[in-house]
Amino acid sequence: MIKDNRYKLSQEDVNSIRELRENGYSYSKISLLYPVCVETIRYWTDEECRKKQRQKNALRKHKPLDKKRMARDDKKRKELRQDTKYKTRVNFQGAKDETRAIRKTAIDYRTGKRVTIKEALKILETEELHLGNSKIE
């Protein structure tokens, strides 16, 4: 059986969230207790909200809990996590997009060394770390 890693909450969590909401807790207070955003809390406690989201999801092309697709995607993610080119690109892009703190270096997993952000940005611009997109190419 394939474990569905998309959900951050268990059924027990959902039940306790519903109970907290019935006892008057706000969405934001409940979201501080669980590793999810306010909208997720609202989804699991507001029947109307969940109904609208399910209608929206019904329009998607793939079927939910498609075991074949989930297995394929998990395999691809595992492969990417092992790819040093991918890890380097993610690290450089994260350093570039960082807004909370100014990072001075980033790790180049291909060489195992730290590089300055300037060097990392130059490498990102050169398309050296371009991974390609099988859906387009």
C-alpha atoms as a PDB file:
ATOM      1  CA  MET A   1       0.000   0.000   0.000  1.00  0.00           C
ATOM      2  CA  ILE A   2       1.308   3.448  -0.945  1.00  0.00           C
ATOM      3  CA  LYS A   3       1.257   6.078   1.771  1.00  0.00           C
ATOM      4  CA  ASP A   4      -0.263   9.370   0.643  1.00  0.00           C
ATOM      5  CA  ASN A   5       2.252  11.986   1.801  1.00  0.00           C
ATOM      6  CA  ARG A   6       0.157  14.939   0.635  1.00  0.00           C
ATOM      7  CA  TYR A   7      -1.750  15.293   3.892  1.00  0.00           C
ATOM      8  CA  LYS A   8      -0.246  16.958   6.952  1.00  0.00           C
ATOM      9  CA  LEU A   9      -3.165  16.101   9.222  1.00  0.00           C
ATOM     10  CA  SER A  10      -4.396  12.733  10.407  1.00  0.00           C
ATOM     11  CA  GLN A  11      -8.068  11.948  10.919  1.00  0.00           C
ATOM     12  CA  GLU A  12      -7.524  12.348  14.678  1.00  0.00           C
ATOM     13  CA  ASP A  13      -6.106  15.848  14.069  1.00  0.00           C
ATOM     14  CA  VAL A  14      -9.125  16.765  11.951  1.00  0.00           C
ATOM     15  CA  ASN A  15     -11.507  15.540  14.657  1.00  0.00           C
ATOM     16  CA  SER A  16      -9.737  17.543  17.356  1.00  0.00           C
ATOM     17  CA  ILE A  17      -9.647  20.630  15.096  1.00  0.00           C
ATOM     18  CA  ARG A  18     -13.398  20.359  14.585  1.00  0.00           C
ATOM     19  CA  GLU A  19     -13.877  20.024  18.319  1.00  0.00           C
ATOM     20  CA  LEU A  20     -11.729  23.117  19.005  1.00  0.00           C
ATOM     21  CA  ARG A  21     -13.704  25.077  16.421  1.00  0.00           C
ATOM     22  CA  GLU A  22     -16.988  24.024  18.041  1.00  0.00           C
ATOM     23  CA  ASN A  23     -15.592  25.247  21.376  1.00  0.00           C
ATOM     24  CA  GLY A  24     -15.085  28.732  19.919  1.00  0.00           C
ATOM     25  CA  TYR A  25     -11.418  28.761  18.907  1.00  0.00           C
ATOM     26  CA  SER A  26     -10.634  30.974  15.915  1.00  0.00           C
ATOM     27  CA  TYR A  27      -9.106  29.599  12.714  1.00  0.00           C
ATOM     28  CA  SER A  28      -5.852  31.448  13.388  1.00  0.00           C
ATOM     29  CA  LYS A  29      -5.519  30.130  16.946  1.00  0.00           C
ATOM     30  CA  ILE A  30      -6.107  26.572  15.772  1.00  0.00           C
ATOM     31  CA  SER A  31      -3.571  26.980  12.935  1.00  0.00           C
ATOM     32  CA  LEU A  32      -0.931  27.838  15.539  1.00  0.00           C
ATOM     33  CA  LEU A  33      -1.464  24.409  17.114  1.00  0.00           C
ATOM     34  CA  TYR A  34      -1.066  22.433  13.856  1.00  0.00           C
ATOM     35  CA  PRO A  35       1.460  22.646  10.981  1.00  0.00           C
ATOM     36  CA  VAL A  36      -1.101  23.982   8.480  1.00  0.00           C
ATOM     37  CA  CYS A  37      -2.427  27.353   7.326  1.00  0.00           C
ATOM     38  CA  VAL A  38      -5.702  28.993   8.306  1.00  0.00           C
ATOM     39  CA  GLU A  39      -7.355  27.986   5.019  1.00  0.00           C
ATOM     40  CA  THR A  40      -6.676  24.311   5.733  1.00  0.00           C
ATOM     41  CA  ILE A  41      -8.302  24.658   9.147  1.00  0.00           C
ATOM     42  CA  ARG A  42     -11.257  26.344   7.484  1.00  0.00           C
ATOM     43  CA  TYR A  43     -11.464  23.580   4.877  1.00  0.00           C
ATOM     44  CA  TRP A  44     -11.740  20.871   7.530  1.00  0.00           C
ATOM     45  CA  THR A  45     -14.206  22.730   9.745  1.00  0.00           C
ATOM     46  CA  ASP A  46     -16.465  24.546   7.259  1.00  0.00           C
ATOM     47  CA  GLU A  47     -18.690  22.184   5.276  1.00  0.00           C
ATOM     48  CA  GLU A  48     -19.578  24.848   2.671  1.00  0.00           C
ATOM     49  CA  CYS A  49     -15.909  25.662   2.065  1.00  0.00           C
ATOM     50  CA  ARG A  50     -15.062  21.975   1.657  1.00  0.00           C
ATOM     51  CA  LYS A  51     -17.977  21.482  -0.749  1.00  0.00           C
ATOM     52  CA  LYS A  52     -16.763  24.352  -2.987  1.00  0.00           C
ATOM     53  CA  GLN A  53     -13.194  23.035  -2.975  1.00  0.00           C
ATOM     54  CA  ARG A  54     -14.338  19.541  -3.871  1.00  0.00           C
ATOM     55  CA  GLN A  55     -16.347  20.892  -6.800  1.00  0.00           C
ATOM     56  CA  LYS A  56     -13.240  22.725  -7.972  1.00  0.00           C
ATOM     57  CA  ASN A  57     -11.115  19.585  -7.565  1.00  0.00           C
ATOM     58  CA  ALA A  58     -13.637  17.563  -9.583  1.00  0.00           C
ATOM     59  CA  LEU A  59     -12.679  19.602 -12.649  1.00  0.00           C
ATOM     60  CA  ARG A  60      -9.054  18.413 -12.496  1.00  0.00           C
ATOM     61  CA  LYS A  61      -7.815  16.064 -15.181  1.00  0.00           C
ATOM     62  CA  HIS A  62      -6.252  13.446 -12.919  1.00  0.00           C
ATOM     63  CA  LYS A  63      -8.169  11.350 -10.462  1.00  0.00           C
ATOM     64  CA  PRO A  64      -7.467  11.849  -6.755  1.00  0.00           C
ATOM     65  CA  LEU A  65      -5.577   9.003  -5.100  1.00  0.00           C
ATOM     66  CA  ASP A  66      -4.432   7.681  -8.461  1.00  0.00           C
ATOM     67  CA  LYS A  67      -2.000   5.074  -7.081  1.00  0.00           C
ATOM     68  CA  LYS A  68      -0.065   4.782 -10.326  1.00  0.00           C
ATOM     69  CA  ARG A  69       0.477   8.544 -10.587  1.00  0.00           C
ATOM     70  CA  MET A  70       1.378   8.843  -6.901  1.00  0.00           C
ATOM     71  CA  ALA A  71       3.971   6.061  -7.193  1.00  0.00           C
ATOM     72  CA  ARG A  72       5.441   7.661 -10.324  1.00  0.00           C
ATOM     73  CA  ASP A  73       5.633  11.096  -8.667  1.00  0.00           C
ATOM     74  CA  ASP A  74       7.208   9.696  -5.482  1.00  0.00           C
ATOM     75  CA  LYS A  75       9.817   7.862  -7.554  1.00  0.00           C
ATOM     76  CA  LYS A  76      10.622  11.044  -9.479  1.00  0.00           C
ATOM     77  CA  ARG A  77      10.945  13.073  -6.253  1.00  0.00           C
ATOM     78  CA  LYS A  78      13.328  10.501  -4.772  1.00  0.00           C
ATOM     79  CA  GLU A  79      15.432  10.583  -7.935  1.00  0.00           C
ATOM     80  CA  LEU A  80      15.565  14.376  -7.875  1.00  0.00           C
ATOM     81  CA  ARG A  81      16.633  14.444  -4.217  1.00  0.00           C
ATOM     82  CA  GLN A  82      19.656  12.338  -5.174  1.00  0.00           C
ATOM     83  CA  ASP A  83      20.562  14.546  -8.155  1.00  0.00           C
ATOM     84  CA  THR A  84      23.332  17.003  -7.177  1.00  0.00           C
ATOM     85  CA  LYS A  85      22.467  19.308 -10.082  1.00  0.00           C
ATOM     86  CA  TYR A  86      18.866  19.551  -8.853  1.00  0.00           C
ATOM     87  CA  LYS A  87      19.903  20.083  -5.211  1.00  0.00           C
ATOM     88  CA  THR A  88      22.332  22.817  -6.281  1.00  0.00           C
ATOM     89  CA  ARG A  89      19.692  24.581  -8.370  1.00  0.00           C
ATOM     90  CA  VAL A  90      17.176  24.482  -5.506  1.00  0.00           C
ATOM     91  CA  ASN A  91      19.777  25.786  -3.051  1.00  0.00           C
ATOM     92  CA  PHE A  92      20.866  28.626  -5.362  1.00  0.00           C
ATOM     93  CA  GLN A  93      17.282  29.590  -6.201  1.00  0.00           C
ATOM     94  CA  GLY A  94      16.358  29.560  -2.495  1.00  0.00           C
ATOM     95  CA  ALA A  95      19.298  31.820  -1.691  1.00  0.00           C
ATOM     96  CA  LYS A  96      18.253  34.172  -4.500  1.00  0.00           C
ATOM     97  CA  ASP A  97      14.616  34.315  -3.360  1.00  0.00           C
ATOM     98  CA  GLU A  98      15.387  34.644   0.381  1.00  0.00           C
ATOM     99  CA  THR A  99      13.668  37.701   1.853  1.00  0.00           C
ATOM    100  CA  ARG A 100      13.953  37.232   5.613  1.00  0.00           C
ATOM    101  CA  ALA A 101      17.740  37.235   5.807  1.00  0.00           C
ATOM    102  CA  ILE A 102      20.565  38.093   3.458  1.00  0.00           C
ATOM    103  CA  ARG A 103      22.527  34.969   2.626  1.00  0.00           C
ATOM    104  CA  LYS A 104      26.151  35.404   1.665  1.00  0.00           C
ATOM    105  CA  THR A 105      26.862  31.889   0.445  1.00  0.00           C
ATOM    106  CA  ALA A 106      25.132  28.865  -1.008  1.00  0.00           C
ATOM    107  CA  ILE A 107      26.213  25.239  -1.342  1.00  0.00           C
ATOM    108  CA  ASP A 108      27.165  23.837  -4.725  1.00  0.00           C
ATOM    109  CA  TYR A 109      26.324  20.156  -4.180  1.00  0.00           C
ATOM    110  CA  ARG A 110      28.115  19.184  -7.379  1.00  0.00           C
ATOM    111  CA  THR A 111      31.464  20.159  -5.855  1.00  0.00           C
ATOM    112  CA  GLY A 112      30.541  20.104  -2.168  1.00  0.00           C
ATOM    113  CA  LYS A 113      31.825  23.663  -1.716  1.00  0.00           C
ATOM    114  CA  ARG A 114      30.264  26.936  -0.708  1.00  0.00           C
ATOM    115  CA  VAL A 115      30.076  29.712  -3.296  1.00  0.00           C
ATOM    116  CA  THR A 116      29.189  33.360  -2.910  1.00  0.00           C
ATOM    117  CA  ILE A 117      25.692  34.470  -3.828  1.00  0.00           C
ATOM    118  CA  LYS A 118      27.154  36.444  -6.756  1.00  0.00           C
ATOM    119  CA  GLU A 119      28.732  33.280  -8.135  1.00  0.00           C
ATOM    120  CA  ALA A 120      25.524  31.318  -7.541  1.00  0.00           C
ATOM    121  CA  LEU A 121      23.456  33.908  -9.420  1.00  0.00           C
ATOM    122  CA  LYS A 122      25.895  33.840 -12.359  1.00  0.00           C
ATOM    123  CA  ILE A 123      25.609  30.044 -12.521  1.00  0.00           C
ATOM    124  CA  LEU A 124      21.789  30.262 -12.406  1.00  0.00           C
ATOM    125  CA  GLU A 125      21.792  32.743 -15.310  1.00  0.00           C
ATOM    126  CA  THR A 126      23.988  30.526 -17.508  1.00  0.00           C
ATOM    127  CA  GLU A 127      21.363  27.759 -17.728  1.00  0.00           C
ATOM    128  CA  GLU A 128      24.107  25.371 -16.503  1.00  0.00           C
ATOM    129  CA  LEU A 129      21.652  23.993 -13.947  1.00  0.00           C
ATOM    130  CA  HIS A 130      18.659  23.848 -16.335  1.00  0.00           C
ATOM    131  CA  LEU A 131      16.869  20.567 -15.695  1.00  0.00           C
ATOM    132  CA  GLY A 132      14.514  20.515 -18.653  1.00  0.00           C
ATOM    133  CA  ASN A 133      10.799  19.893 -18.624  1.00  0.00           C
ATOM    134  CA  SER A 134       9.581  16.644 -20.139  1.00  0.00           C
ATOM    135  CA  LYS A 135       6.087  18.088 -20.592  1.00  0.00           C
ATOM    136  CA  ILE A 136       7.418  20.845 -22.863  1.00  0.00           C
ATOM    137  CA  GLU A 137      10.502  19.398 -24.533  1.00  0.00           C
END
